[in-house]
């Protein structure tokens, strides 16, 4: 469970990051607009969530990737696939695709 702290101590920068992330529905796009890394946005959101005691975003990227991999197991080997992932995951994935 997330810990709660007085709401009067909410960081203004964290709220700005939240607003930008919510407007774009993307940590990556918010990071681009704010000229920071995606990780910095994620950290600000996590800190804001901890102060509020509530999750502000549903993070389902890894679950969706798992569902996609499960679906791939039922496809014939010769069928082409298309994968769309965030840029941070694509850098990780591209290095491993050849071995796959």
C-alpha atoms as a PDB file:
ATOM      1  CA  UNK A   1       0.000   0.000   0.000  1.00  0.00           C
ATOM      2  CA  UNK A   2       1.207   3.479  -0.781  1.00  0.00           C
ATOM      3  CA  UNK A   3       2.047   5.742   2.132  1.00  0.00           C
ATOM      4  CA  UNK A   4       0.227   9.008   2.526  1.00  0.00           C
ATOM      5  CA  UNK A   5       1.656  12.422   3.364  1.00  0.00           C
ATOM      6  CA  UNK A   6      -0.173  15.709   3.855  1.00  0.00           C
ATOM      7  CA  UNK A   7      -1.584  16.921   0.545  1.00  0.00           C
ATOM      8  CA  UNK A   8      -0.564  20.481   1.379  1.00  0.00           C
ATOM      9  CA  UNK A   9       3.025  19.433   0.649  1.00  0.00           C
ATOM     10  CA  UNK A  10       2.399  18.382  -2.963  1.00  0.00           C
ATOM     11  CA  UNK A  11       5.333  19.387  -5.169  1.00  0.00           C
ATOM     12  CA  UNK A  12       4.417  21.863  -7.895  1.00  0.00           C
ATOM     13  CA  UNK A  13       6.870  20.294 -10.342  1.00  0.00           C
ATOM     14  CA  UNK A  14       5.349  16.865  -9.732  1.00  0.00           C
ATOM     15  CA  UNK A  15       1.908  18.294 -10.476  1.00  0.00           C
ATOM     16  CA  UNK A  16       3.243  19.884 -13.671  1.00  0.00           C
ATOM     17  CA  UNK A  17       4.710  16.547 -14.743  1.00  0.00           C
ATOM     18  CA  UNK A  18       1.403  14.834 -13.946  1.00  0.00           C
ATOM     19  CA  UNK A  19      -0.590  17.368 -15.967  1.00  0.00           C
ATOM     20  CA  UNK A  20       1.708  17.002 -18.955  1.00  0.00           C
ATOM     21  CA  UNK A  21       1.690  13.195 -18.752  1.00  0.00           C
ATOM     22  CA  UNK A  22      -2.091  13.090 -18.445  1.00  0.00           C
ATOM     23  CA  UNK A  23      -2.539  15.494 -21.354  1.00  0.00           C
ATOM     24  CA  UNK A  24      -0.324  13.386 -23.617  1.00  0.00           C
ATOM     25  CA  UNK A  25      -1.327  10.023 -22.095  1.00  0.00           C
ATOM     26  CA  UNK A  26       2.370   9.209 -22.371  1.00  0.00           C
ATOM     27  CA  UNK A  27       5.386   9.540 -20.106  1.00  0.00           C
ATOM     28  CA  UNK A  28       7.611   9.610 -23.188  1.00  0.00           C
ATOM     29  CA  UNK A  29       5.767  12.509 -24.837  1.00  0.00           C
ATOM     30  CA  UNK A  30       5.646  14.364 -21.532  1.00  0.00           C
ATOM     31  CA  UNK A  31       9.404  13.871 -21.154  1.00  0.00           C
ATOM     32  CA  UNK A  32       9.960  15.295 -24.631  1.00  0.00           C
ATOM     33  CA  UNK A  33       7.861  18.374 -23.847  1.00  0.00           C
ATOM     34  CA  UNK A  34       9.536  18.937 -20.468  1.00  0.00           C
ATOM     35  CA  UNK A  35      13.041  18.249 -21.847  1.00  0.00           C
ATOM     36  CA  UNK A  36      13.751  15.481 -19.336  1.00  0.00           C
ATOM     37  CA  UNK A  37      14.127  11.711 -19.591  1.00  0.00           C
ATOM     38  CA  UNK A  38      11.189   9.312 -19.505  1.00  0.00           C
ATOM     39  CA  UNK A  39      12.669   7.913 -16.304  1.00  0.00           C
ATOM     40  CA  UNK A  40      12.586  11.359 -14.680  1.00  0.00           C
ATOM     41  CA  UNK A  41       8.892  11.665 -15.526  1.00  0.00           C
ATOM     42  CA  UNK A  42       8.216   8.200 -14.159  1.00  0.00           C
ATOM     43  CA  UNK A  43      10.049   9.044 -10.923  1.00  0.00           C
ATOM     44  CA  UNK A  44       8.090  12.285 -10.450  1.00  0.00           C
ATOM     45  CA  UNK A  45       4.799  10.442 -10.996  1.00  0.00           C
ATOM     46  CA  UNK A  46       5.826   7.682  -8.570  1.00  0.00           C
ATOM     47  CA  UNK A  47       6.705  10.291  -5.917  1.00  0.00           C
ATOM     48  CA  UNK A  48       3.395  12.088  -6.455  1.00  0.00           C
ATOM     49  CA  UNK A  49       1.499   8.785  -6.214  1.00  0.00           C
ATOM     50  CA  UNK A  50       3.317   7.995  -2.962  1.00  0.00           C
ATOM     51  CA  UNK A  51       2.371  11.391  -1.490  1.00  0.00           C
ATOM     52  CA  UNK A  52      -1.277  11.030  -2.535  1.00  0.00           C
ATOM     53  CA  UNK A  53      -1.523   7.369  -1.564  1.00  0.00           C
ATOM     54  CA  UNK A  54      -3.169   6.506  -4.907  1.00  0.00           C
ATOM     55  CA  UNK A  55      -2.030   5.295  -8.297  1.00  0.00           C
ATOM     56  CA  UNK A  56      -2.505   8.000 -10.936  1.00  0.00           C
ATOM     57  CA  UNK A  57      -1.778   5.889 -14.027  1.00  0.00           C
ATOM     58  CA  UNK A  58      -2.392   2.283 -15.007  1.00  0.00           C
ATOM     59  CA  UNK A  59       0.874   0.792 -16.219  1.00  0.00           C
ATOM     60  CA  UNK A  60       0.105  -2.166 -18.420  1.00  0.00           C
ATOM     61  CA  UNK A  61       2.934  -2.195 -20.939  1.00  0.00           C
ATOM     62  CA  UNK A  62       4.616  -5.353 -19.657  1.00  0.00           C
ATOM     63  CA  UNK A  63       1.288  -7.165 -19.311  1.00  0.00           C
ATOM     64  CA  UNK A  64       0.394  -6.266 -22.906  1.00  0.00           C
ATOM     65  CA  UNK A  65       3.790  -7.490 -24.113  1.00  0.00           C
ATOM     66  CA  UNK A  66       3.181 -10.784 -22.288  1.00  0.00           C
ATOM     67  CA  UNK A  67      -0.218 -11.160 -23.947  1.00  0.00           C
ATOM     68  CA  UNK A  68       1.376 -10.520 -27.331  1.00  0.00           C
ATOM     69  CA  UNK A  69       4.072 -13.108 -26.755  1.00  0.00           C
ATOM     70  CA  UNK A  70       1.451 -15.666 -25.748  1.00  0.00           C
ATOM     71  CA  UNK A  71      -0.483 -14.941 -28.932  1.00  0.00           C
ATOM     72  CA  UNK A  72       2.694 -15.354 -30.998  1.00  0.00           C
ATOM     73  CA  UNK A  73       3.141 -18.902 -29.748  1.00  0.00           C
ATOM     74  CA  UNK A  74      -0.023 -19.947 -31.611  1.00  0.00           C
ATOM     75  CA  UNK A  75       1.037 -18.435 -34.984  1.00  0.00           C
ATOM     76  CA  UNK A  76       2.709 -20.468 -37.747  1.00  0.00           C
ATOM     77  CA  UNK A  77       6.454 -19.782 -37.844  1.00  0.00           C
ATOM     78  CA  UNK A  78       6.375 -18.329 -41.361  1.00  0.00           C
ATOM     79  CA  UNK A  79       3.793 -15.637 -40.540  1.00  0.00           C
ATOM     80  CA  UNK A  80       5.225 -12.102 -40.234  1.00  0.00           C
ATOM     81  CA  UNK A  81       4.624 -10.119 -37.060  1.00  0.00           C
ATOM     82  CA  UNK A  82       4.675  -6.432 -36.201  1.00  0.00           C
ATOM     83  CA  UNK A  83       5.697  -5.188 -32.752  1.00  0.00           C
ATOM     84  CA  UNK A  84       5.130  -1.663 -31.449  1.00  0.00           C
ATOM     85  CA  UNK A  85       6.862  -0.804 -28.179  1.00  0.00           C
ATOM     86  CA  UNK A  86       8.076   2.369 -26.450  1.00  0.00           C
ATOM     87  CA  UNK A  87      11.507   3.611 -27.486  1.00  0.00           C
ATOM     88  CA  UNK A  88      13.180   2.429 -24.271  1.00  0.00           C
ATOM     89  CA  UNK A  89      11.851  -1.107 -24.806  1.00  0.00           C
ATOM     90  CA  UNK A  90      12.745  -1.094 -28.499  1.00  0.00           C
ATOM     91  CA  UNK A  91      16.403  -0.407 -27.743  1.00  0.00           C
ATOM     92  CA  UNK A  92      16.401  -3.398 -25.404  1.00  0.00           C
ATOM     93  CA  UNK A  93      14.413  -5.545 -27.820  1.00  0.00           C
ATOM     94  CA  UNK A  94      16.417  -4.772 -30.966  1.00  0.00           C
ATOM     95  CA  UNK A  95      19.574  -6.164 -29.395  1.00  0.00           C
ATOM     96  CA  UNK A  96      17.802  -9.454 -28.686  1.00  0.00           C
ATOM     97  CA  UNK A  97      15.759  -9.947 -31.867  1.00  0.00           C
ATOM     98  CA  UNK A  98      18.548 -11.580 -33.834  1.00  0.00           C
ATOM     99  CA  UNK A  99      18.950 -14.280 -31.189  1.00  0.00           C
ATOM    100  CA  UNK A 100      15.184 -14.821 -31.247  1.00  0.00           C
END
